[in-house]
Protein backbone atom coordinates (compact mmCIF):
# COMPACT_ATOMS: atom_id res chain seq x y z
CA MET A 1 -0.01 -0.03 0.00
CA THR A 2 1.21 3.31 -0.65
CA ALA A 3 1.14 6.07 2.11
CA SER A 4 0.08 9.75 1.58
CA HIS A 5 2.78 12.14 0.67
CA PHE A 6 1.18 14.88 2.44
CA ASP A 7 3.46 16.08 5.20
CA ASP A 8 1.96 19.34 5.97
CA SER A 9 -1.03 18.71 7.72
CA THR A 10 -1.33 20.72 11.11
CA PRO A 11 -1.44 18.91 14.56
CA GLU A 12 -5.03 19.85 14.90
CA ASP A 13 -5.90 18.23 11.55
CA VAL A 14 -4.19 15.07 12.43
CA ILE A 15 -6.45 15.05 15.58
CA ARG A 16 -9.53 15.87 13.93
CA ARG A 17 -8.60 12.93 11.36
CA ARG A 18 -8.28 10.49 14.33
CA THR A 19 -11.24 11.95 15.64
CA MET A 20 -13.45 11.13 12.56
CA VAL A 21 -12.29 7.59 12.42
CA ASP A 22 -12.77 6.97 16.03
CA CYS A 23 -16.09 8.42 16.40
CA GLN A 24 -17.60 8.24 12.97
CA ILE A 25 -16.26 5.66 10.90
CA ARG A 26 -15.48 2.86 13.65
CA THR A 27 -19.09 3.37 15.16
CA VAL A 28 -20.94 2.22 11.99
CA ASP A 29 -18.85 -1.22 12.16
CA VAL A 30 -16.07 -0.32 9.92
CA THR A 31 -13.67 -3.10 11.25
CA ASP A 32 -11.38 -3.58 8.38
CA TYR A 33 -7.73 -2.55 9.41
CA ALA A 34 -6.71 -1.49 5.79
CA VAL A 35 -9.71 0.49 5.33
CA ILE A 36 -9.29 2.34 8.84
CA GLU A 37 -5.59 2.85 8.00
CA ARG A 38 -6.41 4.52 4.59
CA PHE A 39 -8.96 7.02 6.20
CA LEU A 40 -6.24 7.91 8.86
CA GLU A 41 -3.57 8.55 5.99
CA VAL A 42 -5.53 10.64 3.46
CA PRO A 43 -5.85 14.29 4.90
CA ARG A 44 -9.54 14.93 3.37
CA GLU A 45 -8.89 18.66 4.14
CA LYS A 46 -6.29 19.04 1.55
CA PHE A 47 -8.64 17.81 -1.16
CA LEU A 48 -11.36 20.71 -0.32
CA PRO A 49 -11.70 24.03 -1.52
CA PRO A 50 -10.33 26.52 1.18
CA GLU A 51 -13.91 27.50 2.13
CA LEU A 52 -14.89 23.90 3.12
CA SER A 53 -11.60 22.81 4.83
CA ASP A 54 -13.09 23.75 8.15
CA PHE A 55 -15.75 21.05 7.46
CA ALA A 56 -13.64 18.32 6.10
CA TYR A 57 -14.07 15.97 9.39
CA SER A 58 -17.59 16.75 10.20
CA ASP A 59 -20.05 13.90 9.83
CA MET A 60 -21.69 15.30 6.55
CA ALA A 61 -21.92 15.31 2.86
CA LEU A 62 -20.21 18.42 1.27
CA LYS A 63 -21.49 19.98 -1.70
CA LEU A 64 -18.72 21.12 -4.04
CA PRO A 65 -19.00 24.90 -4.87
CA LEU A 66 -16.62 24.50 -7.96
CA SER A 67 -18.78 22.09 -9.67
CA VAL A 68 -20.13 23.15 -13.36
CA ALA A 69 -22.09 19.62 -13.57
CA PRO A 70 -25.78 20.42 -13.70
CA GLU A 71 -26.76 18.63 -10.53
CA GLY A 72 -23.77 19.78 -8.85
CA ARG A 73 -21.39 17.32 -6.77
CA GLN A 74 -21.14 16.44 -3.52
CA LEU A 75 -18.67 14.27 -1.52
CA LEU A 76 -20.32 11.58 0.77
CA SER A 77 -19.87 11.59 4.33
CA PRO A 78 -16.82 9.83 5.62
CA ALA A 79 -18.92 7.25 7.47
CA VAL A 80 -20.63 6.33 4.28
CA LEU A 81 -17.73 6.27 2.13
CA ALA A 82 -15.95 4.15 4.51
CA ARG A 83 -18.75 1.65 4.86
CA PHE A 84 -18.80 1.26 0.76
CA VAL A 85 -15.14 0.95 0.77
CA GLN A 86 -15.36 -1.97 3.31
CA ALA A 87 -18.13 -3.63 1.61
CA ALA A 88 -16.29 -3.55 -1.72
CA GLY A 89 -13.89 -5.90 -0.16
CA VAL A 90 -10.74 -4.10 -2.21
CA LYS A 91 -7.93 -6.52 -2.57
CA PRO A 92 -4.24 -5.42 -3.43
CA THR A 93 -4.49 -6.87 -6.72
CA ASP A 94 -7.84 -5.41 -7.68
CA LYS A 95 -8.23 -2.67 -10.51
CA VAL A 96 -10.82 -0.07 -9.33
CA LEU A 97 -13.08 2.38 -11.40
CA ASP A 98 -14.02 5.52 -9.31
CA VAL A 99 -17.11 7.12 -11.19
CA ALA A 100 -17.89 10.63 -10.51
CA SER A 101 -14.44 11.02 -8.72
CA ALA A 102 -14.91 14.75 -8.33
CA ILE A 103 -11.82 16.21 -6.67
CA GLY A 104 -10.28 12.87 -6.18
CA TYR A 105 -10.64 11.90 -2.28
CA SER A 106 -12.30 8.47 -2.74
CA ALA A 107 -9.69 7.70 -5.54
CA ALA A 108 -7.05 8.30 -3.14
CA ILE A 109 -8.54 6.14 -0.70
CA PHE A 110 -8.93 3.39 -3.02
CA ALA A 111 -5.11 3.87 -4.53
CA GLY A 112 -3.77 2.92 -1.07
CA LEU A 113 -5.93 -0.57 -1.34
CA ALA A 114 -5.66 -1.34 -4.88
CA HIS A 115 -3.32 -2.39 -7.65
CA GLU A 116 -4.67 0.14 -10.13
CA VAL A 117 -7.38 2.72 -9.91
CA VAL A 118 -8.85 4.75 -12.94
CA ALA A 119 -10.96 7.86 -11.95
CA LEU A 120 -13.84 8.85 -14.27
CA GLU A 121 -15.38 12.44 -14.10
CA ALA A 122 -17.63 14.04 -16.35
CA ASP A 123 -16.67 17.65 -15.16
CA ALA A 124 -13.49 18.80 -16.69
CA HIS A 125 -12.88 21.30 -14.17
CA LEU A 126 -13.24 18.72 -11.10
CA ALA A 127 -11.17 16.27 -13.17
CA SER A 128 -8.27 18.90 -13.29
CA MET A 129 -8.73 19.44 -9.70
CA ALA A 130 -8.53 15.55 -8.90
CA GLN A 131 -5.21 15.32 -11.07
CA THR A 132 -3.69 18.25 -9.11
CA ASN A 133 -4.79 16.73 -5.71
CA LEU A 134 -3.71 13.06 -6.26
CA ALA A 135 -0.33 14.23 -7.77
CA HIS A 136 0.16 16.22 -4.52
CA ALA A 137 -1.07 13.24 -2.59
CA GLY A 138 1.72 10.89 -4.22
CA HIS A 139 -0.98 9.11 -6.16
CA GLY A 140 0.07 10.54 -9.55
CA ALA A 141 -0.37 6.89 -11.09
CA VAL A 142 -4.33 7.20 -10.68
CA ARG A 143 -5.40 7.72 -14.33
CA ILE A 144 -7.91 10.46 -14.60
CA THR A 145 -10.27 9.93 -17.49
CA THR A 146 -13.13 12.63 -18.58
CA GLY A 147 -16.20 11.57 -20.31
CA PRO A 148 -19.81 10.34 -19.91
CA LEU A 149 -20.23 8.58 -16.60
CA VAL A 150 -22.82 5.99 -17.71
CA GLU A 151 -20.35 4.73 -20.43
CA GLY A 152 -17.45 3.94 -17.90
CA VAL A 153 -14.09 3.31 -19.26
CA PRO A 154 -14.38 0.28 -21.64
CA SER A 155 -10.80 0.61 -22.92
CA GLU A 156 -9.71 -0.05 -19.19
CA ALA A 157 -11.98 -2.82 -18.45
CA PRO A 158 -12.65 -5.32 -17.04
CA PHE A 159 -12.71 -4.05 -13.26
CA ASP A 160 -12.96 -5.74 -10.04
CA VAL A 161 -14.52 -2.90 -8.13
CA ILE A 162 -16.72 -0.05 -9.61
CA PHE A 163 -17.74 2.65 -7.27
CA VAL A 164 -20.18 5.41 -7.86
CA ASN A 165 -19.92 8.82 -6.05
CA GLY A 166 -23.56 9.41 -6.01
CA ALA A 167 -27.15 8.25 -6.23
CA VAL A 168 -28.21 6.35 -9.51
CA GLU A 169 -31.92 5.51 -10.76
CA VAL A 170 -31.21 3.92 -13.97
CA HIS A 171 -28.47 3.31 -16.79
CA LEU A 172 -26.03 0.95 -14.81
CA ASP A 173 -25.99 -1.56 -17.74
CA MET A 174 -22.86 -0.25 -19.40
CA LEU A 175 -20.90 -0.16 -15.96
CA LEU A 176 -22.19 -3.73 -15.22
CA LYS A 177 -20.68 -5.11 -18.26
CA GLN A 178 -17.38 -3.90 -17.38
CA LEU A 179 -17.05 -5.85 -14.48
CA ARG A 180 -14.72 -8.80 -14.21
CA SER A 181 -16.50 -12.15 -12.89
CA GLY A 182 -16.45 -11.83 -9.32
CA GLY A 183 -16.50 -7.98 -9.77
CA ARG A 184 -18.43 -5.70 -7.48
CA LEU A 185 -20.31 -2.37 -8.38
CA LEU A 186 -21.47 -0.09 -5.21
CA ALA A 187 -23.72 2.79 -5.50
CA ILE A 188 -26.64 4.53 -3.73
CA VAL A 189 -29.83 3.32 -5.61
CA ARG A 190 -32.85 5.70 -5.61
CA ARG A 191 -36.18 3.93 -6.30
CA THR A 192 -39.44 5.62 -7.02
CA THR A 193 -42.04 4.36 -4.79
CA GLU A 194 -44.62 6.84 -5.77
CA PRO A 195 -44.72 10.04 -7.74
CA GLY A 196 -42.51 12.54 -5.97
CA ARG A 197 -41.40 9.97 -3.35
CA GLY A 198 -38.60 7.47 -3.29
CA ALA A 199 -36.18 5.54 -0.97
CA SER A 200 -32.45 5.39 -1.28
CA GLN A 201 -30.20 2.54 -0.49
CA ALA A 202 -26.59 1.78 -0.62
CA VAL A 203 -26.36 -1.47 -2.85
CA ARG A 204 -23.60 -3.96 -4.00
CA PHE A 205 -24.07 -5.43 -7.19
CA GLU A 206 -21.88 -8.67 -8.01
CA SER A 207 -21.10 -10.32 -11.52
CA GLN A 208 -20.84 -14.02 -11.54
CA SER A 209 -20.10 -15.29 -15.13
CA GLY A 210 -22.31 -12.72 -16.66
CA ARG A 211 -25.24 -12.83 -14.02
CA ILE A 212 -25.86 -9.99 -11.83
CA SER A 213 -26.85 -10.27 -8.34
CA SER A 214 -27.47 -7.49 -5.74
CA THR A 215 -27.29 -6.93 -1.90
CA PHE A 216 -28.72 -4.21 0.29
CA LEU A 217 -26.13 -2.79 2.21
CA PHE A 218 -27.63 0.36 4.39
CA ASP A 219 -29.69 3.21 4.01
CA ALA A 220 -28.04 6.02 2.40
CA GLY A 221 -28.98 9.40 0.45
CA ALA A 222 -27.10 11.48 -2.20
CA PRO A 223 -28.37 13.67 -5.02
CA VAL A 224 -28.88 11.68 -8.18
CA LEU A 225 -26.13 12.08 -10.67
CA MET A 226 -27.73 13.69 -13.92
CA GLU A 227 -26.82 10.79 -16.32
CA PHE A 228 -28.28 8.30 -14.19
CA ARG A 229 -31.73 9.90 -13.66
CA LYS A 230 -34.73 8.40 -14.84
CA GLU A 231 -37.04 10.54 -17.06
CA PRO A 232 -40.22 11.76 -15.52
CA GLU A 233 -43.06 9.73 -16.88
CA PHE A 234 -45.87 11.78 -18.49
CA GLU A 235 -49.06 11.51 -16.20
CA PHE A 236 -52.69 12.09 -17.43
């Protein structure tokens, strides 16, 4: 595993990071030692724009003000991201696709767990920020790709893990086809229960010889990424 190359965190930020792990991540049954170590190593505050750095270790999702994506972009809370990473079961030999990677924080977490990480972002401005942040963090080997999120990165497939940073309603087919047999795709799935209402759940999909199964993980919410949004149905 590759340790973070950041060496300029303040003592206060180091304490805040430890508190985040102890009070947010461990308390939601994240027990995988390697996952916990990654969240201790990667300084979340260094990935955020200055106006958000004070909230880096709060137990909340953070809206990124610099995104030009129509739906905006939001970083998942540390606890939700850590539960997803643990559920992915990333092995040191795995190849990971981080979809809607935004400013690169989740890609940095995966980079210390997997053999290869590809980060996909539709927002070119955020992709540029991710490139800078990851290089600064010593994870310049993460490959940043800009393009439609729903299409994945077929030229880099197959992947052992695909992680979607945001909620989806439809259009996972192309991503699921890019999974290796035994591969896992993790996302927050929003299902409409009735007009104007719905429920969101963290789900793990697994591919076995082309067959896809799904497992409910936990309740979670996030904005639906525009490309994965279901078209509204016409009502009479």
